[in-house]
Protein backbone atom coordinates (compact mmCIF):
# COMPACT_ATOMS: atom_id res chain seq x y z
CA UNK A 1 0.00 0.00 0.00
CA UNK A 2 1.49 3.33 -1.08
CA UNK A 3 1.71 6.20 1.34
CA UNK A 4 3.18 9.66 1.71
CA UNK A 5 5.63 10.33 4.53
CA UNK A 6 6.17 13.87 5.75
CA UNK A 7 9.28 15.05 7.57
CA UNK A 8 9.88 18.40 9.26
CA UNK A 9 13.50 19.43 8.92
CA UNK A 10 14.98 21.04 12.04
CA UNK A 11 16.39 24.54 12.35
CA UNK A 12 19.96 23.26 12.16
CA UNK A 13 21.31 20.94 9.46
CA UNK A 14 24.92 20.94 10.58
CA UNK A 15 27.50 18.25 11.28
CA UNK A 16 26.68 18.45 14.99
CA UNK A 17 23.00 17.72 14.42
CA UNK A 18 22.72 15.32 11.50
CA UNK A 19 23.28 11.89 13.05
CA UNK A 20 19.68 11.42 14.30
CA UNK A 21 18.35 12.96 11.09
CA UNK A 22 20.36 10.45 9.05
CA UNK A 23 18.78 7.58 10.97
CA UNK A 24 15.30 8.99 10.39
CA UNK A 25 16.00 9.42 6.68
CA UNK A 26 17.11 5.78 6.48
CA UNK A 27 13.82 4.69 8.01
CA UNK A 28 11.88 6.83 5.54
CA UNK A 29 13.50 5.29 2.47
CA UNK A 30 13.61 1.77 3.90
CA UNK A 31 9.85 1.77 4.57
CA UNK A 32 8.54 0.00 1.47
CA UNK A 33 5.09 1.52 1.96
CA UNK A 34 6.44 5.01 1.25
CA UNK A 35 6.16 6.12 -2.34
CA UNK A 36 6.36 9.85 -1.65
CA UNK A 37 8.35 11.87 0.88
CA UNK A 38 7.60 15.52 1.57
CA UNK A 39 10.32 17.51 3.31
CA UNK A 40 9.05 20.57 5.18
CA UNK A 41 12.05 22.89 5.21
CA UNK A 42 10.82 26.36 6.18
CA UNK A 43 12.42 26.18 9.65
CA UNK A 44 15.98 25.56 8.45
CA UNK A 45 18.20 28.46 9.54
CA UNK A 46 21.63 26.80 9.32
CA UNK A 47 22.98 24.24 6.88
CA UNK A 48 26.61 23.29 6.38
CA UNK A 49 28.30 20.98 3.91
CA UNK A 50 27.47 17.88 5.97
CA UNK A 51 23.79 18.86 6.12
CA UNK A 52 23.60 19.45 2.38
CA UNK A 53 25.39 16.14 1.75
CA UNK A 54 22.85 14.37 3.93
CA UNK A 55 19.98 15.88 1.97
CA UNK A 56 21.63 14.84 -1.28
CA UNK A 57 22.08 11.29 0.03
CA UNK A 58 18.34 11.23 0.75
CA UNK A 59 17.56 12.48 -2.77
CA UNK A 60 19.73 9.73 -4.28
CA UNK A 61 18.33 6.98 -2.02
CA UNK A 62 14.76 8.04 -2.77
CA UNK A 63 15.44 8.00 -6.50
CA UNK A 64 17.02 4.54 -6.30
CA UNK A 65 13.94 3.24 -4.51
CA UNK A 66 11.56 5.05 -6.89
CA UNK A 67 10.23 7.29 -4.12
CA UNK A 68 9.09 10.76 -5.15
CA UNK A 69 10.65 13.48 -3.01
CA UNK A 70 9.07 16.91 -2.73
CA UNK A 71 10.10 20.09 -0.95
CA UNK A 72 7.63 22.19 1.00
CA UNK A 73 8.81 25.77 1.48
CA UNK A 74 12.59 25.36 1.67
CA UNK A 75 13.93 28.34 3.60
CA UNK A 76 16.02 30.97 1.88
CA UNK A 77 18.98 30.02 4.10
CA UNK A 78 18.75 26.39 2.96
CA UNK A 79 18.45 27.42 -0.69
CA UNK A 80 21.44 29.75 -0.34
CA UNK A 81 23.61 27.09 1.34
CA UNK A 82 22.76 24.60 -1.41
CA UNK A 83 23.47 27.18 -4.10
CA UNK A 84 26.83 28.20 -2.60
CA UNK A 85 27.86 24.53 -2.54
CA UNK A 86 26.68 23.98 -6.12
CA UNK A 87 24.00 21.52 -4.99
CA UNK A 88 20.75 23.44 -5.54
CA UNK A 89 19.96 21.66 -8.81
CA UNK A 90 20.93 18.27 -7.40
CA UNK A 91 18.51 18.78 -4.51
CA UNK A 92 15.71 19.80 -6.85
CA UNK A 93 15.67 23.52 -6.02
CA UNK A 94 14.80 25.40 -9.20
PDB file of N, CA and C in Angstrom:
ATOM      1  N   UNK A   1       0.840  -1.174   0.000  1.00  0.00           N
ATOM      2  CA  UNK A   1       0.000   0.000   0.000  1.00  0.00           C
ATOM      3  C   UNK A   1       0.888   1.241   0.000  1.00  0.00           C
ATOM      4  N   UNK A   2       0.689   2.124  -0.951  1.00  0.00           N
ATOM      5  CA  UNK A   2       1.489   3.331  -1.084  1.00  0.00           C
ATOM      6  C   UNK A   2       1.042   4.386  -0.077  1.00  0.00           C
ATOM      7  N   UNK A   3       2.030   5.127   0.408  1.00  0.00           N
ATOM      8  CA  UNK A   3       1.708   6.199   1.343  1.00  0.00           C
ATOM      9  C   UNK A   3       2.706   7.335   1.195  1.00  0.00           C
ATOM     10  N   UNK A   4       2.316   8.491   1.691  1.00  0.00           N
ATOM     11  CA  UNK A   4       3.180   9.656   1.708  1.00  0.00           C
ATOM     12  C   UNK A   4       3.697   9.854   3.121  1.00  0.00           C
ATOM     13  N   UNK A   5       5.006  10.035   3.239  1.00  0.00           N
ATOM     14  CA  UNK A   5       5.629  10.335   4.530  1.00  0.00           C
ATOM     15  C   UNK A   5       6.024  11.800   4.526  1.00  0.00           C
ATOM     16  N   UNK A   6       5.787  12.470   5.631  1.00  0.00           N
ATOM     17  CA  UNK A   6       6.168  13.870   5.750  1.00  0.00           C
ATOM     18  C   UNK A   6       7.210  13.997   6.854  1.00  0.00           C
ATOM     19  N   UNK A   7       8.198  14.870   6.610  1.00  0.00           N
ATOM     20  CA  UNK A   7       9.280  15.048   7.565  1.00  0.00           C
ATOM     21  C   UNK A   7       9.575  16.534   7.712  1.00  0.00           C
ATOM     22  N   UNK A   8       9.584  17.008   8.939  1.00  0.00           N
ATOM     23  CA  UNK A   8       9.878  18.404   9.259  1.00  0.00           C
ATOM     24  C   UNK A   8      11.365  18.534   9.562  1.00  0.00           C
ATOM     25  N   UNK A   9      12.077  19.227   8.689  1.00  0.00           N
ATOM     26  CA  UNK A   9      13.501  19.431   8.921  1.00  0.00           C
ATOM     27  C   UNK A   9      13.694  20.398  10.085  1.00  0.00           C
ATOM     28  N   UNK A  10      14.733  20.170  10.885  1.00  0.00           N
ATOM     29  CA  UNK A  10      14.980  21.035  12.036  1.00  0.00           C
ATOM     30  C   UNK A  10      15.611  22.357  11.622  1.00  0.00           C
ATOM     31  N   UNK A  11      15.783  23.233  12.580  1.00  0.00           N
ATOM     32  CA  UNK A  11      16.389  24.539  12.345  1.00  0.00           C
ATOM     33  C   UNK A  11      17.845  24.415  11.906  1.00  0.00           C
ATOM     34  N   UNK A  12      18.535  23.408  12.421  1.00  0.00           N
ATOM     35  CA  UNK A  12      19.958  23.259  12.156  1.00  0.00           C
ATOM     36  C   UNK A  12      20.259  21.954  11.420  1.00  0.00           C
ATOM     37  N   UNK A  13      20.825  22.082  10.237  1.00  0.00           N
ATOM     38  CA  UNK A  13      21.309  20.935   9.464  1.00  0.00           C
ATOM     39  C   UNK A  13      22.817  21.058   9.374  1.00  0.00           C
ATOM     40  N   UNK A  14      23.474  20.821  10.508  1.00  0.00           N
ATOM     41  CA  UNK A  14      24.923  20.941  10.581  1.00  0.00           C
ATOM     42  C   UNK A  14      25.504  19.616  11.047  1.00  0.00           C
ATOM     43  N   UNK A  15      26.818  19.491  10.924  1.00  0.00           N
ATOM     44  CA  UNK A  15      27.496  18.254  11.279  1.00  0.00           C
ATOM     45  C   UNK A  15      27.164  17.825  12.708  1.00  0.00           C
ATOM     46  N   UNK A  16      26.970  18.779  13.591  1.00  0.00           N
ATOM     47  CA  UNK A  16      26.681  18.455  14.991  1.00  0.00           C
ATOM     48  C   UNK A  16      25.281  17.884  15.190  1.00  0.00           C
ATOM     49  N   UNK A  17      24.396  18.090  14.226  1.00  0.00           N
ATOM     50  CA  UNK A  17      22.995  17.720  14.425  1.00  0.00           C
ATOM     51  C   UNK A  17      22.479  16.638  13.490  1.00  0.00           C
ATOM     52  N   UNK A  18      23.303  16.160  12.555  1.00  0.00           N
ATOM     53  CA  UNK A  18      22.725  15.324  11.497  1.00  0.00           C
ATOM     54  C   UNK A  18      22.620  13.835  11.807  1.00  0.00           C
ATOM     55  N   UNK A  19      23.321  13.337  12.809  1.00  0.00           N
ATOM     56  CA  UNK A  19      23.284  11.895  13.052  1.00  0.00           C
ATOM     57  C   UNK A  19      21.856  11.366  13.258  1.00  0.00           C
ATOM     58  N   UNK A  20      21.062  11.944  14.151  1.00  0.00           N
ATOM     59  CA  UNK A  20      19.685  11.419  14.297  1.00  0.00           C
ATOM     60  C   UNK A  20      18.827  11.639  13.051  1.00  0.00           C
ATOM     61  N   UNK A  21      19.101  12.704  12.316  1.00  0.00           N
ATOM     62  CA  UNK A  21      18.347  12.963  11.085  1.00  0.00           C
ATOM     63  C   UNK A  21      18.675  11.883  10.059  1.00  0.00           C
ATOM     64  N   UNK A  22      19.932  11.512   9.973  1.00  0.00           N
ATOM     65  CA  UNK A  22      20.359  10.451   9.054  1.00  0.00           C
ATOM     66  C   UNK A  22      19.602   9.160   9.347  1.00  0.00           C
ATOM     67  N   UNK A  23      19.499   8.804  10.602  1.00  0.00           N
ATOM     68  CA  UNK A  23      18.779   7.578  10.973  1.00  0.00           C
ATOM     69  C   UNK A  23      17.304   7.659  10.576  1.00  0.00           C
ATOM     70  N   UNK A  24      16.708   8.823  10.766  1.00  0.00           N
ATOM     71  CA  UNK A  24      15.300   8.992  10.394  1.00  0.00           C
ATOM     72  C   UNK A  24      15.124   8.921   8.880  1.00  0.00           C
ATOM     73  N   UNK A  25      16.056   9.500   8.140  1.00  0.00           N
ATOM     74  CA  UNK A  25      15.999   9.420   6.684  1.00  0.00           C
ATOM     75  C   UNK A  25      16.105   7.968   6.217  1.00  0.00           C
ATOM     76  N   UNK A  26      16.980   7.198   6.843  1.00  0.00           N
ATOM     77  CA  UNK A  26      17.106   5.782   6.475  1.00  0.00           C
ATOM     78  C   UNK A  26      15.785   5.046   6.676  1.00  0.00           C
ATOM     79  N   UNK A  27      15.119   5.334   7.771  1.00  0.00           N
ATOM     80  CA  UNK A  27      13.817   4.687   8.013  1.00  0.00           C
ATOM     81  C   UNK A  27      12.795   5.100   6.951  1.00  0.00           C
ATOM     82  N   UNK A  28      12.823   6.360   6.559  1.00  0.00           N
ATOM     83  CA  UNK A  28      11.877   6.832   5.538  1.00  0.00           C
ATOM     84  C   UNK A  28      12.046   6.084   4.222  1.00  0.00           C
ATOM     85  N   UNK A  29      13.289   5.937   3.767  1.00  0.00           N
ATOM     86  CA  UNK A  29      13.500   5.294   2.473  1.00  0.00           C
ATOM     87  C   UNK A  29      13.447   3.775   2.564  1.00  0.00           C
ATOM     88  N   UNK A  30      13.679   3.223   3.744  1.00  0.00           N
ATOM     89  CA  UNK A  30      13.605   1.766   3.900  1.00  0.00           C
ATOM     90  C   UNK A  30      12.172   1.265   4.057  1.00  0.00           C
ATOM     91  N   UNK A  31      11.254   2.159   4.409  1.00  0.00           N
ATOM     92  CA  UNK A  31       9.846   1.771   4.568  1.00  0.00           C
ATOM     93  C   UNK A  31       9.251   1.565   3.174  1.00  0.00           C
ATOM     94  N   UNK A  32       9.010   0.321   2.818  1.00  0.00           N
ATOM     95  CA  UNK A  32       8.539   0.001   1.473  1.00  0.00           C
ATOM     96  C   UNK A  32       7.142   0.530   1.174  1.00  0.00           C
ATOM     97  N   UNK A  33       6.411   0.949   2.190  1.00  0.00           N
ATOM     98  CA  UNK A  33       5.093   1.522   1.957  1.00  0.00           C
ATOM     99  C   UNK A  33       5.183   2.946   1.429  1.00  0.00           C
ATOM    100  N   UNK A  34       6.296   3.618   1.690  1.00  0.00           N
ATOM    101  CA  UNK A  34       6.440   5.010   1.255  1.00  0.00           C
ATOM    102  C   UNK A  34       6.723   5.092  -0.239  1.00  0.00           C
ATOM    103  N   UNK A  35       5.891   5.850  -0.927  1.00  0.00           N
ATOM    104  CA  UNK A  35       6.164   6.116  -2.337  1.00  0.00           C
ATOM    105  C   UNK A  35       6.349   7.603  -2.595  1.00  0.00           C
ATOM    106  N   UNK A  36       6.207   8.401  -1.542  1.00  0.00           N
ATOM    107  CA  UNK A  36       6.364   9.854  -1.650  1.00  0.00           C
ATOM    108  C   UNK A  36       6.841  10.376  -0.303  1.00  0.00           C
ATOM    109  N   UNK A  37       7.856  11.222  -0.328  1.00  0.00           N
ATOM    110  CA  UNK A  37       8.354  11.872   0.880  1.00  0.00           C
ATOM    111  C   UNK A  37       8.267  13.375   0.659  1.00  0.00           C
ATOM    112  N   UNK A  38       7.669  14.063   1.612  1.00  0.00           N
ATOM    113  CA  UNK A  38       7.598  15.520   1.572  1.00  0.00           C
ATOM    114  C   UNK A  38       8.474  16.057   2.694  1.00  0.00           C
ATOM    115  N   UNK A  39       9.447  16.891   2.323  1.00  0.00           N
ATOM    116  CA  UNK A  39      10.317  17.514   3.309  1.00  0.00           C
ATOM    117  C   UNK A  39       9.833  18.944   3.554  1.00  0.00           C
ATOM    118  N   UNK A  40       9.443  19.218   4.777  1.00  0.00           N
ATOM    119  CA  UNK A  40       9.053  20.572   5.181  1.00  0.00           C
ATOM    120  C   UNK A  40      10.325  21.256   5.651  1.00  0.00           C
ATOM    121  N   UNK A  41      10.724  22.320   4.972  1.00  0.00           N
ATOM    122  CA  UNK A  41      12.047  22.893   5.210  1.00  0.00           C
ATOM    123  C   UNK A  41      12.033  24.386   5.540  1.00  0.00           C
ATOM    124  N   UNK A  42      10.905  24.915   5.914  1.00  0.00           N
ATOM    125  CA  UNK A  42      10.825  26.356   6.181  1.00  0.00           C
ATOM    126  C   UNK A  42      11.557  26.765   7.449  1.00  0.00           C
ATOM    127  N   UNK A  43      11.778  25.842   8.378  1.00  0.00           N
ATOM    128  CA  UNK A  43      12.416  26.181   9.653  1.00  0.00           C
ATOM    129  C   UNK A  43      13.937  26.189   9.596  1.00  0.00           C
ATOM    130  N   UNK A  44      14.519  25.683   8.517  1.00  0.00           N
ATOM    131  CA  UNK A  44      15.981  25.562   8.451  1.00  0.00           C
ATOM    132  C   UNK A  44      16.629  26.949   8.439  1.00  0.00           C
ATOM    133  N   UNK A  45      17.482  27.184   9.425  1.00  0.00           N
ATOM    134  CA  UNK A  45      18.197  28.459   9.538  1.00  0.00           C
ATOM    135  C   UNK A  45      19.700  28.302   9.336  1.00  0.00           C
ATOM    136  N   UNK A  46      20.209  27.066   9.497  1.00  0.00           N
ATOM    137  CA  UNK A  46      21.634  26.800   9.317  1.00  0.00           C
ATOM    138  C   UNK A  46      21.803  25.474   8.593  1.00  0.00           C
ATOM    139  N   UNK A  47      22.662  25.480   7.600  1.00  0.00           N
ATOM    140  CA  UNK A  47      22.984  24.239   6.883  1.00  0.00           C
ATOM    141  C   UNK A  47      24.435  24.332   6.435  1.00  0.00           C
ATOM    142  N   UNK A  48      25.213  23.324   6.813  1.00  0.00           N
ATOM    143  CA  UNK A  48      26.606  23.292   6.383  1.00  0.00           C
ATOM    144  C   UNK A  48      26.772  22.199   5.332  1.00  0.00           C
ATOM    145  N   UNK A  49      28.014  21.965   4.946  1.00  0.00           N
ATOM    146  CA  UNK A  49      28.297  20.979   3.907  1.00  0.00           C
ATOM    147  C   UNK A  49      27.760  19.601   4.284  1.00  0.00           C
ATOM    148  N   UNK A  50      27.947  19.193   5.535  1.00  0.00           N
ATOM    149  CA  UNK A  50      27.467  17.879   5.969  1.00  0.00           C
ATOM    150  C   UNK A  50      25.947  17.790   5.866  1.00  0.00           C
ATOM    151  N   UNK A  51      25.251  18.848   6.216  1.00  0.00           N
ATOM    152  CA  UNK A  51      23.791  18.855   6.122  1.00  0.00           C
ATOM    153  C   UNK A  51      23.310  18.753   4.687  1.00  0.00           C
ATOM    154  N   UNK A  52      23.967  19.494   3.794  1.00  0.00           N
ATOM    155  CA  UNK A  52      23.595  19.446   2.376  1.00  0.00           C
ATOM    156  C   UNK A  52      23.918  18.070   1.803  1.00  0.00           C
ATOM    157  N   UNK A  53      25.046  17.489   2.206  1.00  0.00           N
ATOM    158  CA  UNK A  53      25.393  16.138   1.746  1.00  0.00           C
ATOM    159  C   UNK A  53      24.348  15.123   2.210  1.00  0.00           C
ATOM    160  N   UNK A  54      23.879  15.273   3.422  1.00  0.00           N
ATOM    161  CA  UNK A  54      22.854  14.367   3.933  1.00  0.00           C
ATOM    162  C   UNK A  54      21.572  14.485   3.111  1.00  0.00           C
ATOM    163  N   UNK A  55      21.180  15.699   2.794  1.00  0.00           N
ATOM    164  CA  UNK A  55      19.977  15.882   1.971  1.00  0.00           C
ATOM    165  C   UNK A  55      20.174  15.260   0.595  1.00  0.00           C
ATOM    166  N   UNK A  56      21.364  15.426   0.028  1.00  0.00           N
ATOM    167  CA  UNK A  56      21.634  14.836  -1.283  1.00  0.00           C
ATOM    168  C   UNK A  56      21.596  13.309  -1.206  1.00  0.00           C
ATOM    169  N   UNK A  57      22.130  12.751  -0.143  1.00  0.00           N
ATOM    170  CA  UNK A  57      22.080  11.292   0.026  1.00  0.00           C
ATOM    171  C   UNK A  57      20.628  10.813   0.084  1.00  0.00           C
ATOM    172  N   UNK A  58      19.758  11.591   0.718  1.00  0.00           N
ATOM    173  CA  UNK A  58      18.339  11.233   0.749  1.00  0.00           C
ATOM    174  C   UNK A  58      17.735  11.303  -0.654  1.00  0.00           C
ATOM    175  N   UNK A  59      18.068  12.342  -1.399  1.00  0.00           N
ATOM    176  CA  UNK A  59      17.560  12.483  -2.771  1.00  0.00           C
ATOM    177  C   UNK A  59      17.961  11.266  -3.604  1.00  0.00           C
ATOM    178  N   UNK A  60      19.231  10.871  -3.508  1.00  0.00           N
ATOM    179  CA  UNK A  60      19.733   9.732  -4.279  1.00  0.00           C
ATOM    180  C   UNK A  60      19.057   8.434  -3.840  1.00  0.00           C
ATOM    181  N   UNK A  61      18.958   8.218  -2.531  1.00  0.00           N
ATOM    182  CA  UNK A  61      18.332   6.985  -2.018  1.00  0.00           C
ATOM    183  C   UNK A  61      16.866   6.908  -2.422  1.00  0.00           C
ATOM    184  N   UNK A  62      16.167   8.030  -2.369  1.00  0.00           N
ATOM    185  CA  UNK A  62      14.759   8.040  -2.768  1.00  0.00           C
ATOM    186  C   UNK A  62      14.624   7.698  -4.253  1.00  0.00           C
ATOM    187  N   UNK A  63      15.485   8.278  -5.062  1.00  0.00           N
ATOM    188  CA  UNK A  63      15.438   8.002  -6.500  1.00  0.00           C
ATOM    189  C   UNK A  63      15.701   6.526  -6.779  1.00  0.00           C
ATOM    190  N   UNK A  64      16.700   5.963  -6.112  1.00  0.00           N
ATOM    191  CA  UNK A  64      17.025   4.545  -6.303  1.00  0.00           C
ATOM    192  C   UNK A  64      15.850   3.642  -5.944  1.00  0.00           C
ATOM    193  N   UNK A  65      15.072   4.044  -4.974  1.00  0.00           N
ATOM    194  CA  UNK A  65      13.937   3.239  -4.508  1.00  0.00           C
ATOM    195  C   UNK A  65      12.616   3.664  -5.154  1.00  0.00           C
ATOM    196  N   UNK A  66      12.723   4.558  -6.152  1.00  0.00           N
ATOM    197  CA  UNK A  66      11.561   5.053  -6.889  1.00  0.00           C
ATOM    198  C   UNK A  66      10.539   5.713  -5.964  1.00  0.00           C
ATOM    199  N   UNK A  67      11.058   6.501  -5.035  1.00  0.00           N
ATOM    200  CA  UNK A  67      10.231   7.289  -4.122  1.00  0.00           C
ATOM    201  C   UNK A  67      10.299   8.744  -4.593  1.00  0.00           C
ATOM    202  N   UNK A  68       9.145   9.355  -4.776  1.00  0.00           N
ATOM    203  CA  UNK A  68       9.092  10.764  -5.150  1.00  0.00           C
ATOM    204  C   UNK A  68       9.427  11.597  -3.925  1.00  0.00           C
ATOM    205  N   UNK A  69      10.290  12.588  -4.103  1.00  0.00           N
ATOM    206  CA  UNK A  69      10.654  13.479  -3.011  1.00  0.00           C
ATOM    207  C   UNK A  69      10.254  14.891  -3.383  1.00  0.00           C
ATOM    208  N   UNK A  70       9.536  15.549  -2.484  1.00  0.00           N
ATOM    209  CA  UNK A  70       9.072  16.915  -2.733  1.00  0.00           C
ATOM    210  C   UNK A  70       9.515  17.820  -1.591  1.00  0.00           C
ATOM    211  N   UNK A  71       9.735  19.077  -1.924  1.00  0.00           N
ATOM    212  CA  UNK A  71      10.102  20.094  -0.948  1.00  0.00           C
ATOM    213  C   UNK A  71       8.903  20.966  -0.669  1.00  0.00           C
ATOM    214  N   UNK A  72       8.669  21.251   0.601  1.00  0.00           N
ATOM    215  CA  UNK A  72       7.633  22.192   0.997  1.00  0.00           C
ATOM    216  C   UNK A  72       8.316  23.386   1.648  1.00  0.00           C
ATOM    217  N   UNK A  73       8.303  24.492   0.968  1.00  0.00           N
ATOM    218  CA  UNK A  73       8.811  25.765   1.484  1.00  0.00           C
ATOM    219  C   UNK A  73      10.239  25.721   2.010  1.00  0.00           C
ATOM    220  N   UNK A  74      11.209  25.316   1.184  1.00  0.00           N
ATOM    221  CA  UNK A  74      12.587  25.364   1.674  1.00  0.00           C
ATOM    222  C   UNK A  74      12.971  26.806   2.005  1.00  0.00           C
ATOM    223  N   UNK A  75      13.574  26.997   3.161  1.00  0.00           N
ATOM    224  CA  UNK A  75      13.934  28.341   3.602  1.00  0.00           C
ATOM    225  C   UNK A  75      14.972  28.954   2.677  1.00  0.00           C
ATOM    226  N   UNK A  76      15.038  30.267   2.693  1.00  0.00           N
ATOM    227  CA  UNK A  76      16.024  30.972   1.884  1.00  0.00           C
ATOM    228  C   UNK A  76      17.439  30.603   2.319  1.00  0.00           C
ATOM    229  N   UNK A  77      17.646  30.387   3.607  1.00  0.00           N
ATOM    230  CA  UNK A  77      18.982  30.020   4.100  1.00  0.00           C
ATOM    231  C   UNK A  77      19.389  28.646   3.574  1.00  0.00           C
ATOM    232  N   UNK A  78      18.449  27.710   3.505  1.00  0.00           N
ATOM    233  CA  UNK A  78      18.749  26.388   2.961  1.00  0.00           C
ATOM    234  C   UNK A  78      19.045  26.490   1.471  1.00  0.00           C
ATOM    235  N   UNK A  79      18.233  27.235   0.755  1.00  0.00           N
ATOM    236  CA  UNK A  79      18.454  27.418  -0.686  1.00  0.00           C
ATOM    237  C   UNK A  79      19.820  28.058  -0.953  1.00  0.00           C
ATOM    238  N   UNK A  80      20.167  29.056  -0.161  1.00  0.00           N
ATOM    239  CA  UNK A  80      21.445  29.747  -0.340  1.00  0.00           C
ATOM    240  C   UNK A  80      22.611  28.805  -0.068  1.00  0.00           C
ATOM    241  N   UNK A  81      22.535  28.036   1.018  1.00  0.00           N
ATOM    242  CA  UNK A  81      23.614  27.088   1.341  1.00  0.00           C
ATOM    243  C   UNK A  81      23.790  26.085   0.206  1.00  0.00           C
ATOM    244  N   UNK A  82      22.685  25.568  -0.313  1.00  0.00           N
ATOM    245  CA  UNK A  82      22.761  24.604  -1.408  1.00  0.00           C
ATOM    246  C   UNK A  82      23.348  25.252  -2.662  1.00  0.00           C
ATOM    247  N   UNK A  83      22.967  26.483  -2.918  1.00  0.00           N
ATOM    248  CA  UNK A  83      23.472  27.183  -4.102  1.00  0.00           C
ATOM    249  C   UNK A  83      24.967  27.455  -3.977  1.00  0.00           C
ATOM    250  N   UNK A  84      25.416  27.912  -2.814  1.00  0.00           N
ATOM    251  CA  UNK A  84      26.834  28.197  -2.596  1.00  0.00           C
ATOM    252  C   UNK A  84      27.675  26.937  -2.810  1.00  0.00           C
ATOM    253  N   UNK A  85      27.138  25.793  -2.409  1.00  0.00           N
ATOM    254  CA  UNK A  85      27.864  24.531  -2.544  1.00  0.00           C
ATOM    255  C   UNK A  85      27.661  23.870  -3.918  1.00  0.00           C
ATOM    256  N   UNK A  86      26.907  24.521  -4.789  1.00  0.00           N
ATOM    257  CA  UNK A  86      26.681  23.979  -6.123  1.00  0.00           C
ATOM    258  C   UNK A  86      25.726  22.789  -6.138  1.00  0.00           C
ATOM    259  N   UNK A  87      24.868  22.689  -5.123  1.00  0.00           N
ATOM    260  CA  UNK A  87      23.996  21.521  -4.990  1.00  0.00           C
ATOM    261  C   UNK A  87      22.510  21.830  -5.183  1.00  0.00           C
ATOM    262  N   UNK A  88      22.168  23.076  -5.442  1.00  0.00           N
ATOM    263  CA  UNK A  88      20.746  23.442  -5.544  1.00  0.00           C
ATOM    264  C   UNK A  88      20.013  22.606  -6.584  1.00  0.00           C
ATOM    265  N   UNK A  89      20.587  22.453  -7.761  1.00  0.00           N
ATOM    266  CA  UNK A  89      19.962  21.662  -8.815  1.00  0.00           C
ATOM    267  C   UNK A  89      19.873  20.193  -8.454  1.00  0.00           C
ATOM    268  N   UNK A  90      20.911  19.677  -7.802  1.00  0.00           N
ATOM    269  CA  UNK A  90      20.928  18.271  -7.401  1.00  0.00           C
ATOM    270  C   UNK A  90      19.865  17.963  -6.338  1.00  0.00           C
ATOM    271  N   UNK A  91      19.543  18.980  -5.534  1.00  0.00           N
ATOM    272  CA  UNK A  91      18.514  18.779  -4.506  1.00  0.00           C
ATOM    273  C   UNK A  91      17.115  19.014  -5.060  1.00  0.00           C
ATOM    274  N   UNK A  92      17.029  19.555  -6.252  1.00  0.00           N
ATOM    275  CA  UNK A  92      15.712  19.798  -6.846  1.00  0.00           C
ATOM    276  C   UNK A  92      15.179  21.191  -6.577  1.00  0.00           C
ATOM    277  N   UNK A  93      16.084  22.120  -6.190  1.00  0.00           N
ATOM    278  CA  UNK A  93      15.668  23.518  -6.024  1.00  0.00           C
ATOM    279  C   UNK A  93      15.821  24.198  -7.374  1.00  0.00           C
ATOM    280  N   UNK A  94      14.737  24.737  -7.884  1.00  0.00           N
ATOM    281  CA  UNK A  94      14.795  25.402  -9.199  1.00  0.00           C
ATOM    282  C   UNK A  94      14.426  26.846  -9.077  1.00  0.00           C
TER     283      UNK A  94
END
